[in-house]
Amino acid sequence: MSFISGKRCPYCKSTQSFRQHRQPWMRRIPGSKHYECQYCSGKYVSVYRLFSFGVVKGKKLTKDSIRNV
């Protein structure tokens, strides 16, 4: 599991993401929102936009592949 402060992907540090439906266990965490990263397809949960933690690791990207997206 990976942690990072703010609403960023904990795997590739991107801020480009879109919301996903939460699973039942995620609803028990107050202020949580489920996101999927547009760059690496990693899924993570953000709590009150203070910190995020990874749920499913995305595919590994290189700097060249991010520039081409």
N, C-alpha and C. Protein backbone atom coordinates (compact mmCIF):
# COMPACT_ATOMS: atom_id res chain seq x y z
N MET A 1 0.86 -1.17 0.00
CA MET A 1 0.00 0.00 0.00
C MET A 1 0.90 1.24 0.00
N SER A 2 0.51 2.22 -0.75
CA SER A 2 1.30 3.43 -0.91
C SER A 2 0.51 4.64 -0.42
N PHE A 3 1.15 5.54 0.35
CA PHE A 3 0.51 6.74 0.88
C PHE A 3 1.15 7.98 0.26
N ILE A 4 0.35 9.04 0.09
CA ILE A 4 0.86 10.33 -0.39
C ILE A 4 -0.08 11.42 0.12
N SER A 5 0.45 12.61 0.35
CA SER A 5 -0.42 13.69 0.83
C SER A 5 -1.13 14.35 -0.35
N GLY A 6 -2.33 14.82 -0.13
CA GLY A 6 -3.11 15.48 -1.18
C GLY A 6 -3.87 14.51 -2.05
N LYS A 7 -4.56 15.07 -3.06
CA LYS A 7 -5.35 14.25 -3.99
C LYS A 7 -4.53 13.98 -5.24
N ARG A 8 -3.49 13.15 -5.11
CA ARG A 8 -2.66 12.76 -6.24
C ARG A 8 -2.53 11.25 -6.24
N CYS A 9 -2.21 10.71 -7.40
CA CYS A 9 -2.00 9.27 -7.52
C CYS A 9 -0.75 8.88 -6.74
N PRO A 10 -0.84 7.93 -5.82
CA PRO A 10 0.33 7.54 -5.03
C PRO A 10 1.37 6.78 -5.85
N TYR A 11 1.03 6.36 -7.06
CA TYR A 11 1.95 5.58 -7.88
C TYR A 11 2.74 6.43 -8.86
N CYS A 12 2.06 7.33 -9.60
CA CYS A 12 2.77 8.14 -10.61
C CYS A 12 2.76 9.63 -10.27
N LYS A 13 2.14 10.03 -9.17
CA LYS A 13 2.08 11.41 -8.68
C LYS A 13 1.28 12.35 -9.58
N SER A 14 0.44 11.82 -10.45
CA SER A 14 -0.37 12.63 -11.35
C SER A 14 -1.61 13.15 -10.63
N THR A 15 -2.09 14.31 -11.05
CA THR A 15 -3.34 14.86 -10.51
C THR A 15 -4.51 14.64 -11.46
N GLN A 16 -4.26 14.03 -12.61
CA GLN A 16 -5.30 13.76 -13.60
C GLN A 16 -5.98 12.43 -13.25
N SER A 17 -7.21 12.51 -12.77
CA SER A 17 -7.93 11.30 -12.38
C SER A 17 -9.42 11.52 -12.53
N PHE A 18 -10.18 10.45 -12.43
CA PHE A 18 -11.62 10.55 -12.45
C PHE A 18 -12.22 9.66 -11.38
N ARG A 19 -13.41 10.03 -10.93
CA ARG A 19 -14.06 9.35 -9.82
C ARG A 19 -14.56 7.97 -10.22
N GLN A 20 -14.56 7.06 -9.28
CA GLN A 20 -15.08 5.71 -9.41
C GLN A 20 -16.12 5.49 -8.32
N HIS A 21 -16.99 4.51 -8.52
CA HIS A 21 -17.93 4.13 -7.47
C HIS A 21 -17.17 3.44 -6.35
N ARG A 22 -17.53 3.77 -5.12
CA ARG A 22 -16.86 3.18 -3.96
C ARG A 22 -17.39 1.78 -3.70
N GLN A 23 -16.53 0.94 -3.17
CA GLN A 23 -16.93 -0.38 -2.71
C GLN A 23 -17.50 -0.23 -1.29
N PRO A 24 -18.28 -1.21 -0.83
CA PRO A 24 -18.91 -1.06 0.50
C PRO A 24 -17.94 -0.77 1.64
N TRP A 25 -16.74 -1.35 1.64
CA TRP A 25 -15.80 -1.09 2.74
C TRP A 25 -15.29 0.34 2.70
N MET A 26 -15.26 0.97 1.53
CA MET A 26 -14.79 2.35 1.41
C MET A 26 -15.80 3.34 1.99
N ARG A 27 -17.05 2.97 2.02
CA ARG A 27 -18.09 3.85 2.55
C ARG A 27 -17.97 4.03 4.06
N ARG A 28 -17.27 3.15 4.72
CA ARG A 28 -17.09 3.24 6.17
C ARG A 28 -16.04 4.29 6.57
N ILE A 29 -15.26 4.74 5.61
CA ILE A 29 -14.24 5.77 5.87
C ILE A 29 -14.88 7.12 5.57
N PRO A 30 -15.09 7.97 6.59
CA PRO A 30 -15.73 9.26 6.35
C PRO A 30 -14.88 10.17 5.46
N GLY A 31 -15.53 10.85 4.52
CA GLY A 31 -14.85 11.79 3.64
C GLY A 31 -14.01 11.15 2.55
N SER A 32 -14.23 9.85 2.30
CA SER A 32 -13.41 9.16 1.30
C SER A 32 -14.04 9.26 -0.09
N LYS A 33 -13.16 9.32 -1.09
CA LYS A 33 -13.57 9.31 -2.49
C LYS A 33 -12.63 8.38 -3.24
N HIS A 34 -13.18 7.60 -4.17
CA HIS A 34 -12.42 6.61 -4.92
C HIS A 34 -12.10 7.18 -6.30
N TYR A 35 -10.83 7.12 -6.70
CA TYR A 35 -10.37 7.67 -7.98
C TYR A 35 -9.60 6.63 -8.78
N GLU A 36 -9.54 6.85 -10.10
CA GLU A 36 -8.68 6.07 -10.98
C GLU A 36 -7.83 7.05 -11.78
N CYS A 37 -6.53 6.82 -11.80
CA CYS A 37 -5.58 7.69 -12.49
C CYS A 37 -5.71 7.52 -14.00
N GLN A 38 -5.67 8.61 -14.75
CA GLN A 38 -5.77 8.54 -16.20
C GLN A 38 -4.47 8.07 -16.84
N TYR A 39 -3.34 8.27 -16.19
CA TYR A 39 -2.05 7.90 -16.77
C TYR A 39 -1.69 6.45 -16.52
N CYS A 40 -1.75 6.01 -15.28
CA CYS A 40 -1.26 4.66 -14.97
C CYS A 40 -2.39 3.67 -14.65
N SER A 41 -3.63 4.11 -14.63
CA SER A 41 -4.80 3.27 -14.31
C SER A 41 -4.77 2.74 -12.89
N GLY A 42 -3.98 3.35 -12.02
CA GLY A 42 -3.96 2.96 -10.62
C GLY A 42 -5.20 3.46 -9.91
N LYS A 43 -5.71 2.68 -8.98
CA LYS A 43 -6.91 3.08 -8.23
C LYS A 43 -6.49 3.42 -6.81
N TYR A 44 -7.05 4.52 -6.30
CA TYR A 44 -6.69 4.96 -4.96
C TYR A 44 -7.86 5.66 -4.30
N VAL A 45 -7.77 5.79 -2.99
CA VAL A 45 -8.80 6.43 -2.18
C VAL A 45 -8.21 7.69 -1.57
N SER A 46 -8.93 8.80 -1.70
CA SER A 46 -8.53 10.07 -1.10
C SER A 46 -9.46 10.35 0.08
N VAL A 47 -8.88 10.72 1.21
CA VAL A 47 -9.66 10.99 2.42
C VAL A 47 -9.57 12.48 2.71
N TYR A 48 -10.71 13.18 2.60
CA TYR A 48 -10.81 14.63 2.83
C TYR A 48 -9.76 15.42 2.03
N ARG A 49 -9.27 14.88 0.95
CA ARG A 49 -8.23 15.50 0.11
C ARG A 49 -6.96 15.82 0.88
N LEU A 50 -6.79 15.22 2.06
CA LEU A 50 -5.59 15.43 2.86
C LEU A 50 -4.51 14.41 2.51
N PHE A 51 -4.92 13.15 2.31
CA PHE A 51 -3.97 12.12 1.91
C PHE A 51 -4.69 11.09 1.06
N SER A 52 -3.90 10.37 0.29
CA SER A 52 -4.42 9.32 -0.58
C SER A 52 -3.65 8.04 -0.32
N PHE A 53 -4.32 6.91 -0.46
CA PHE A 53 -3.63 5.64 -0.37
C PHE A 53 -4.08 4.73 -1.49
N GLY A 54 -3.12 3.99 -2.03
CA GLY A 54 -3.36 3.14 -3.18
C GLY A 54 -4.15 1.89 -2.84
N VAL A 55 -5.02 1.49 -3.77
CA VAL A 55 -5.80 0.28 -3.62
C VAL A 55 -5.33 -0.75 -4.63
N VAL A 56 -5.20 -0.35 -5.90
CA VAL A 56 -4.73 -1.23 -6.97
C VAL A 56 -3.62 -0.51 -7.72
N LYS A 57 -2.45 -1.14 -7.79
CA LYS A 57 -1.32 -0.52 -8.46
C LYS A 57 -1.54 -0.50 -9.97
N GLY A 58 -1.22 0.63 -10.58
CA GLY A 58 -1.35 0.78 -12.02
C GLY A 58 -0.13 0.25 -12.75
N LYS A 59 -0.19 0.32 -14.07
CA LYS A 59 0.95 -0.14 -14.87
C LYS A 59 2.10 0.86 -14.78
N LYS A 60 3.29 0.37 -14.90
CA LYS A 60 4.48 1.21 -14.78
C LYS A 60 4.64 2.06 -16.04
N LEU A 61 4.90 3.34 -15.87
CA LEU A 61 5.06 4.26 -16.99
C LEU A 61 6.46 4.84 -17.02
N THR A 62 6.89 5.20 -18.19
CA THR A 62 8.16 5.91 -18.35
C THR A 62 7.84 7.36 -18.67
N LYS A 63 8.82 8.24 -18.60
CA LYS A 63 8.59 9.65 -18.89
C LYS A 63 8.15 9.85 -20.34
N ASP A 64 8.67 9.05 -21.27
CA ASP A 64 8.29 9.17 -22.67
C ASP A 64 6.83 8.81 -22.89
N SER A 65 6.34 7.80 -22.20
CA SER A 65 4.94 7.40 -22.40
C SER A 65 3.98 8.41 -21.81
N ILE A 66 4.38 9.14 -20.76
CA ILE A 66 3.52 10.17 -20.19
C ILE A 66 3.43 11.37 -21.14
N ARG A 67 4.53 11.72 -21.79
CA ARG A 67 4.51 12.84 -22.74
C ARG A 67 3.63 12.55 -23.94
N ASN A 68 3.52 11.30 -24.33
CA ASN A 68 2.73 10.94 -25.52
C ASN A 68 1.25 10.86 -25.24
N VAL A 69 0.86 10.86 -23.98
CA VAL A 69 -0.57 10.72 -23.63
C VAL A 69 -1.31 12.00 -23.84
